[in-house]
C-alpha atoms as a PDB file:
ATOM      1  CA  MET A   1      -0.203   0.208   0.052  1.00  0.00           C
ATOM      2  CA  SER A   2       2.811   2.213   0.533  1.00  0.00           C
ATOM      3  CA  LEU A   3       4.540   4.154  -2.309  1.00  0.00           C
ATOM      4  CA  PRO A   4       7.785   3.262  -3.836  1.00  0.00           C
ATOM      5  CA  PRO A   5      10.881   4.918  -1.989  1.00  0.00           C
ATOM      6  CA  LEU A   6      11.444   6.954  -5.087  1.00  0.00           C
ATOM      7  CA  GLU A   7       7.897   8.486  -4.945  1.00  0.00           C
ATOM      8  CA  ILE A   8       8.475   9.204  -1.560  1.00  0.00           C
ATOM      9  CA  THR A   9      11.511  10.942  -1.844  1.00  0.00           C
ATOM     10  CA  GLN A  10       9.885  13.192  -4.588  1.00  0.00           C
ATOM     11  CA  LEU A  11       6.967  13.953  -2.229  1.00  0.00           C
ATOM     12  CA  LEU A  12       9.528  14.827   0.318  1.00  0.00           C
ATOM     13  CA  GLN A  13      11.183  17.203  -2.015  1.00  0.00           C
ATOM     14  CA  ALA A  14       7.960  18.511  -3.090  1.00  0.00           C
ATOM     15  CA  TRP A  15       6.934  19.503   0.472  1.00  0.00           C
ATOM     16  CA  PHE A  16      10.463  21.094   0.986  1.00  0.00           C
ATOM     17  CA  GLU A  17       9.739  23.368  -1.961  1.00  0.00           C
ATOM     18  CA  GLY A  18       6.410  24.520  -0.122  1.00  0.00           C
ATOM     19  CA  GLN A  19       3.864  22.474  -1.849  1.00  0.00           C
ATOM     20  CA  ALA A  20       1.198  21.678   0.636  1.00  0.00           C
ATOM     21  CA  GLU A  21      -0.661  19.065  -1.450  1.00  0.00           C
ATOM     22  CA  ALA A  22       2.604  17.016  -1.233  1.00  0.00           C
ATOM     23  CA  LEU A  23       2.502  16.951   2.513  1.00  0.00           C
ATOM     24  CA  ASP A  24      -1.301  15.957   2.515  1.00  0.00           C
ATOM     25  CA  ARG A  25      -0.270  12.891   0.110  1.00  0.00           C
ATOM     26  CA  LEU A  26       2.823  12.043   2.056  1.00  0.00           C
ATOM     27  CA  MET A  27       1.862  12.163   5.679  1.00  0.00           C
ATOM     28  CA  PRO A  28      -0.729   8.999   5.660  1.00  0.00           C
ATOM     29  CA  LEU A  29       2.238   7.062   3.947  1.00  0.00           C
ATOM     30  CA  VAL A  30       5.035   8.324   6.243  1.00  0.00           C
ATOM     31  CA  TYR A  31       2.651   7.856   9.258  1.00  0.00           C
ATOM     32  CA  GLU A  32       2.389   3.858   8.027  1.00  0.00           C
ATOM     33  CA  GLU A  33       5.921   3.701   7.792  1.00  0.00           C
ATOM     34  CA  LEU A  34       6.764   5.115  11.087  1.00  0.00           C
ATOM     35  CA  HIS A  35       4.011   2.941  12.801  1.00  0.00           C
ATOM     36  CA  ARG A  36       5.847  -0.055  11.441  1.00  0.00           C
ATOM     37  CA  ALA A  37       9.246   1.284  12.571  1.00  0.00           C
ATOM     38  CA  ALA A  38       7.918   1.871  16.127  1.00  0.00           C
ATOM     39  CA  SER A  39       6.231  -1.583  16.344  1.00  0.00           C
ATOM     40  CA  LEU A  40       9.349  -3.227  15.693  1.00  0.00           C
ATOM     41  CA  ARG A  41      11.038  -1.236  18.236  1.00  0.00           C
ATOM     42  CA  MET A  42       8.216  -1.859  20.833  1.00  0.00           C
ATOM     43  CA  ALA A  43       8.030  -5.592  20.145  1.00  0.00           C
ATOM     44  CA  GLY A  44      10.461  -6.486  22.932  1.00  0.00           C
ATOM     45  CA  GLU A  45       9.218  -4.524  25.593  1.00  0.00           C
ATOM     46  CA  LYS A  46       6.956  -6.220  28.617  1.00  0.00           C
ATOM     47  CA  THR A  47       3.344  -6.056  28.181  1.00  0.00           C
ATOM     48  CA  GLY A  48       1.755  -3.293  30.145  1.00  0.00           C
ATOM     49  CA  ALA A  49       5.044  -1.290  30.615  1.00  0.00           C
ATOM     50  CA  THR A  50       5.704  -0.099  27.238  1.00  0.00           C
ATOM     51  CA  LEU A  51       5.270   3.300  25.296  1.00  0.00           C
ATOM     52  CA  GLN A  52       2.010   3.077  23.083  1.00  0.00           C
ATOM     53  CA  THR A  53       3.186   2.473  19.523  1.00  0.00           C
ATOM     54  CA  THR A  54       0.703   4.951  18.236  1.00  0.00           C
ATOM     55  CA  ALA A  55       1.401   7.430  20.723  1.00  0.00           C
ATOM     56  CA  LEU A  56       5.112   7.424  19.793  1.00  0.00           C
ATOM     57  CA  VAL A  57       4.452   7.804  16.197  1.00  0.00           C
ATOM     58  CA  ASN A  58       2.109  10.703  16.989  1.00  0.00           C
ATOM     59  CA  GLU A  59       4.917  12.526  18.681  1.00  0.00           C
ATOM     60  CA  VAL A  60       7.458  12.042  16.095  1.00  0.00           C
ATOM     61  CA  TYR A  61       4.677  13.072  13.553  1.00  0.00           C
ATOM     62  CA  LEU A  62       4.225  16.422  15.666  1.00  0.00           C
ATOM     63  CA  ARG A  63       7.931  17.098  16.064  1.00  0.00           C
ATOM     64  CA  LEU A  64       8.448  16.535  12.346  1.00  0.00           C
ATOM     65  CA  VAL A  65       5.619  18.952  11.067  1.00  0.00           C
ATOM     66  CA  ASN A  66       7.368  21.699  13.180  1.00  0.00           C
ATOM     67  CA  PHE A  67      10.792  20.934  11.676  1.00  0.00           C
ATOM     68  CA  PRO A  68      12.399  24.023   9.899  1.00  0.00           C
ATOM     69  CA  ALA A  69      12.291  23.225   6.365  1.00  0.00           C
ATOM     70  CA  VAL A  70      14.813  20.312   5.534  1.00  0.00           C
ATOM     71  CA  ASN A  71      16.028  19.355   2.207  1.00  0.00           C
ATOM     72  CA  TRP A  72      15.368  15.681   2.368  1.00  0.00           C
ATOM     73  CA  GLN A  73      17.889  13.844   0.198  1.00  0.00           C
ATOM     74  CA  ASN A  74      15.699  10.822   0.195  1.00  0.00           C
ATOM     75  CA  ARG A  75      13.235   8.494   1.798  1.00  0.00           C
ATOM     76  CA  ALA A  76      16.093   6.847   3.999  1.00  0.00           C
ATOM     77  CA  HIS A  77      17.641  10.354   5.165  1.00  0.00           C
ATOM     78  CA  PHE A  78      13.903  11.246   6.345  1.00  0.00           C
ATOM     79  CA  PHE A  79      13.524   7.925   8.363  1.00  0.00           C
ATOM     80  CA  ALA A  80      17.150   8.504   9.731  1.00  0.00           C
ATOM     81  CA  ALA A  81      15.934  11.605  11.114  1.00  0.00           C
ATOM     82  CA  CYS A  82      12.889   9.899  12.674  1.00  0.00           C
ATOM     83  CA  SER A  83      15.131   7.234  14.404  1.00  0.00           C
ATOM     84  CA  LYS A  84      16.944  10.060  16.082  1.00  0.00           C
ATOM     85  CA  LEU A  85      13.523  11.616  17.077  1.00  0.00           C
ATOM     86  CA  MET A  86      12.274   8.367  18.391  1.00  0.00           C
ATOM     87  CA  ARG A  87      15.261   7.797  20.365  1.00  0.00           C
ATOM     88  CA  ARG A  88      15.233  11.401  22.137  1.00  0.00           C
ATOM     89  CA  ILE A  89      11.517  10.914  22.938  1.00  0.00           C
ATOM     90  CA  LEU A  90      12.165   7.749  24.703  1.00  0.00           C
ATOM     91  CA  VAL A  91      15.287   8.867  26.204  1.00  0.00           C
ATOM     92  CA  ASP A  92      13.598  12.288  27.183  1.00  0.00           C
ATOM     93  CA  PHE A  93      10.613  10.310  28.852  1.00  0.00           C
ATOM     94  CA  ALA A  94      12.913   7.848  30.744  1.00  0.00           C
ATOM     95  CA  ARG A  95      14.861  10.871  32.222  1.00  0.00           C
ATOM     96  CA  ASN A  96      11.828  12.652  33.175  1.00  0.00           C
ATOM     97  CA  ARG A  97      10.285   9.380  34.676  1.00  0.00           C
ATOM     98  CA  ASN A  98      13.415   9.039  36.769  1.00  0.00           C
ATOM     99  CA  SER A  99      13.694  12.460  38.024  1.00  0.00           C
ATOM    100  CA  GLN A 100      10.103  12.409  39.276  1.00  0.00           C
ATOM    101  CA  LYS A 101      10.947   8.831  41.043  1.00  0.00           C
ATOM    102  CA  ARG A 102      13.816  10.864  42.812  1.00  0.00           C
ATOM    103  CA  GLY A 103      11.468  13.371  44.060  1.00  0.00           C
ATOM    104  CA  GLY A 104      12.261  15.572  41.359  1.00  0.00           C
ATOM    105  CA  GLY A 105       8.924  17.728  42.505  1.00  0.00           C
ATOM    106  CA  GLU A 106       5.903  18.188  40.787  1.00  0.00           C
ATOM    107  CA  SER A 107       5.929  19.048  37.173  1.00  0.00           C
ATOM    108  CA  GLU A 108       3.411  19.843  34.524  1.00  0.00           C
ATOM    109  CA  LEU A 109       1.822  17.043  32.640  1.00  0.00           C
ATOM    110  CA  THR A 110       3.276  17.078  28.980  1.00  0.00           C
ATOM    111  CA  PHE A 111       1.912  15.469  25.924  1.00  0.00           C
ATOM    112  CA  GLU A 112       5.149  13.018  26.434  1.00  0.00           C
ATOM    113  CA  ASP A 113       3.831  11.951  29.796  1.00  0.00           C
ATOM    114  CA  GLY A 114       0.653  10.551  28.227  1.00  0.00           C
ATOM    115  CA  LEU A 115       2.780   8.566  25.962  1.00  0.00           C
ATOM    116  CA  PHE A 116       3.183   5.386  28.488  1.00  0.00           C
ATOM    117  CA  VAL A 117       0.778   3.189  29.850  1.00  0.00           C
ATOM    118  CA  ALA A 118       0.594   2.154  33.450  1.00  0.00           C
ATOM    119  CA  GLY A 119       3.710   0.682  34.410  1.00  0.00           C
ATOM    120  CA  GLU A 120       7.452   1.529  34.483  1.00  0.00           C
ATOM    121  CA  GLN A 121       9.471   2.479  31.644  1.00  0.00           C
ATOM    122  CA  SER A 122      12.356   0.238  31.430  1.00  0.00           C
ATOM    123  CA  PRO A 123      15.619   1.947  32.619  1.00  0.00           C
ATOM    124  CA  ASP A 124      17.521  -0.185  29.724  1.00  0.00           C
ATOM    125  CA  VAL A 125      16.467   2.934  27.387  1.00  0.00           C
ATOM    126  CA  LEU A 126      18.882   5.203  29.502  1.00  0.00           C
ATOM    127  CA  ALA A 127      21.553   2.690  29.662  1.00  0.00           C
ATOM    128  CA  LEU A 128      21.331   1.911  25.842  1.00  0.00           C
ATOM    129  CA  ASP A 129      21.577   5.993  25.310  1.00  0.00           C
ATOM    130  CA  GLU A 130      24.473   6.220  27.480  1.00  0.00           C
ATOM    131  CA  ALA A 131      26.248   3.295  25.978  1.00  0.00           C
ATOM    132  CA  LEU A 132      25.282   4.791  22.170  1.00  0.00           C
ATOM    133  CA  ASN A 133      26.766   8.017  23.628  1.00  0.00           C
ATOM    134  CA  ASN A 134      30.034   6.375  24.427  1.00  0.00           C
ATOM    135  CA  LEU A 135      30.062   4.350  21.521  1.00  0.00           C
ATOM    136  CA  ALA A 136      29.419   7.661  19.261  1.00  0.00           C
ATOM    137  CA  ALA A 137      32.718   9.185  20.954  1.00  0.00           C
ATOM    138  CA  MET A 138      34.548   6.175  19.928  1.00  0.00           C
ATOM    139  CA  ASP A 139      33.158   5.604  16.483  1.00  0.00           C
ATOM    140  CA  ALA A 140      30.270   7.748  15.432  1.00  0.00           C
ATOM    141  CA  ARG A 141      29.253   5.815  12.537  1.00  0.00           C
ATOM    142  CA  LYS A 142      28.586   2.719  14.290  1.00  0.00           C
ATOM    143  CA  SER A 143      26.257   4.604  16.784  1.00  0.00           C
ATOM    144  CA  GLN A 144      24.484   5.891  14.029  1.00  0.00           C
ATOM    145  CA  VAL A 145      23.982   2.315  12.542  1.00  0.00           C
ATOM    146  CA  VAL A 146      22.494   1.217  15.726  1.00  0.00           C
ATOM    147  CA  GLU A 147      20.194   4.220  16.217  1.00  0.00           C
ATOM    148  CA  MET A 148      18.833   3.621  12.676  1.00  0.00           C
ATOM    149  CA  ARG A 149      18.400  -0.060  12.951  1.00  0.00           C
ATOM    150  CA  PHE A 150      17.236  -0.138  16.681  1.00  0.00           C
ATOM    151  CA  PHE A 151      15.164   3.075  16.898  1.00  0.00           C
ATOM    152  CA  GLY A 152      14.164   3.422  13.086  1.00  0.00           C
ATOM    153  CA  GLY A 153      13.999  -0.071  11.742  1.00  0.00           C
ATOM    154  CA  LEU A 154      15.814   0.941   8.715  1.00  0.00           C
ATOM    155  CA  SER A 155      17.150  -1.828   6.538  1.00  0.00           C
ATOM    156  CA  VAL A 156      20.947  -2.382   5.713  1.00  0.00           C
ATOM    157  CA  ALA A 157      20.508  -1.153   2.299  1.00  0.00           C
ATOM    158  CA  GLU A 158      18.900   2.277   3.710  1.00  0.00           C
ATOM    159  CA  ILE A 159      21.173   2.815   6.106  1.00  0.00           C
ATOM    160  CA  ALA A 160      24.087   2.160   3.603  1.00  0.00           C
ATOM    161  CA  GLY A 161      22.488   4.826   1.465  1.00  0.00           C
ATOM    162  CA  VAL A 162      22.305   7.368   4.174  1.00  0.00           C
ATOM    163  CA  LEU A 163      26.002   6.909   5.509  1.00  0.00           C
ATOM    164  CA  GLN A 164      27.370   6.451   1.756  1.00  0.00           C
ATOM    165  CA  VAL A 165      29.155   3.232   2.438  1.00  0.00           C
ATOM    166  CA  SER A 166      28.543  -0.275   1.432  1.00  0.00           C
ATOM    167  CA  GLU A 167      26.283  -2.662   2.829  1.00  0.00           C
ATOM    168  CA  GLU A 168      28.856  -4.932   3.731  1.00  0.00           C
ATOM    169  CA  THR A 169      30.501  -2.241   6.027  1.00  0.00           C
ATOM    170  CA  VAL A 170      27.034  -1.466   7.464  1.00  0.00           C
ATOM    171  CA  GLN A 171      26.582  -5.120   8.362  1.00  0.00           C
ATOM    172  CA  ARG A 172      29.998  -5.110   9.882  1.00  0.00           C
ATOM    173  CA  ASP A 173      29.288  -2.101  11.920  1.00  0.00           C
ATOM    174  CA  TRP A 174      25.893  -3.608  13.107  1.00  0.00           C
ATOM    175  CA  ARG A 175      27.698  -6.820  14.207  1.00  0.00           C
ATOM    176  CA  LEU A 176      30.656  -5.107  16.125  1.00  0.00           C
ATOM    177  CA  ALA A 177      28.335  -2.216  17.762  1.00  0.00           C
ATOM    178  CA  LYS A 178      25.822  -5.067  19.048  1.00  0.00           C
ATOM    179  CA  ALA A 179      28.999  -6.863  20.462  1.00  0.00           C
ATOM    180  CA  TRP A 180      30.210  -3.792  21.945  1.00  0.00           C
ATOM    181  CA  LEU A 181      27.058  -2.721  23.296  1.00  0.00           C
ATOM    182  CA  PHE A 182      26.283  -5.995  24.950  1.00  0.00           C
ATOM    183  CA  ARG A 183      29.517  -5.798  26.725  1.00  0.00           C
ATOM    184  CA  ALA A 184      29.112  -2.216  27.836  1.00  0.00           C
ATOM    185  CA  LEU A 185      25.257  -2.886  29.212  1.00  0.00           C
ATOM    186  CA  ASN A 186      26.356  -5.927  30.768  1.00  0.00           C
ATOM    187  CA  PHE A 187      29.342  -4.332  32.529  1.00  0.00           C
ATOM    188  CA  GLU A 188      27.326  -1.572  33.768  1.00  0.00           C
ATOM    189  CA  LYS A 189      24.858  -4.043  35.377  1.00  0.00           C
ATOM    190  CA  SER A 190      27.600  -6.159  36.952  1.00  0.00           C
ATOM    191  CA  ASP A 191      29.448  -2.921  38.353  1.00  0.00           C
ATOM    192  CA  GLY A 192      26.163  -1.776  39.589  1.00  0.00           C
ATOM    193  CA  TYR A 193      26.934   2.003  38.728  1.00  0.00           C
END
């Protein structure tokens, strides 16, 4: 049901050029793709303690609509930016949730606070974010690969296009980054800091 990547790219360019009808045609398609990516991301979470997929997509959508004009290179570039937004939304909520649990005082209820159903957000989001930041300090590309695969659900080919590297390089980066993150996250659990 979704349009081919080339047509999505053309709609993104038309939107950038100020054609409002392109945005009207693009948004249902983008919403469907974002929902698929969010569903993949949320599949491993515990029932009753996860971010509602539709609410996550709605928040990404609202942030995208308010983005300054971006000259989208292609569909993959657009979804790479969406991956980054999903990560920020999840991390911001987890930080907000943790500060409230530590007695951070009363705060205004924001739209993001309504994104989660009852239960606790996994602290793994914050640990993963910190580990990704540490990985980025050593190898930014590997961190980007994880962000696009994990948060955005982009394919190896799409990531290769965004990063302008071969698919083999993306696959190698993905394998090495997963191993590095596994070790980093398990080290943190065993050290207890």
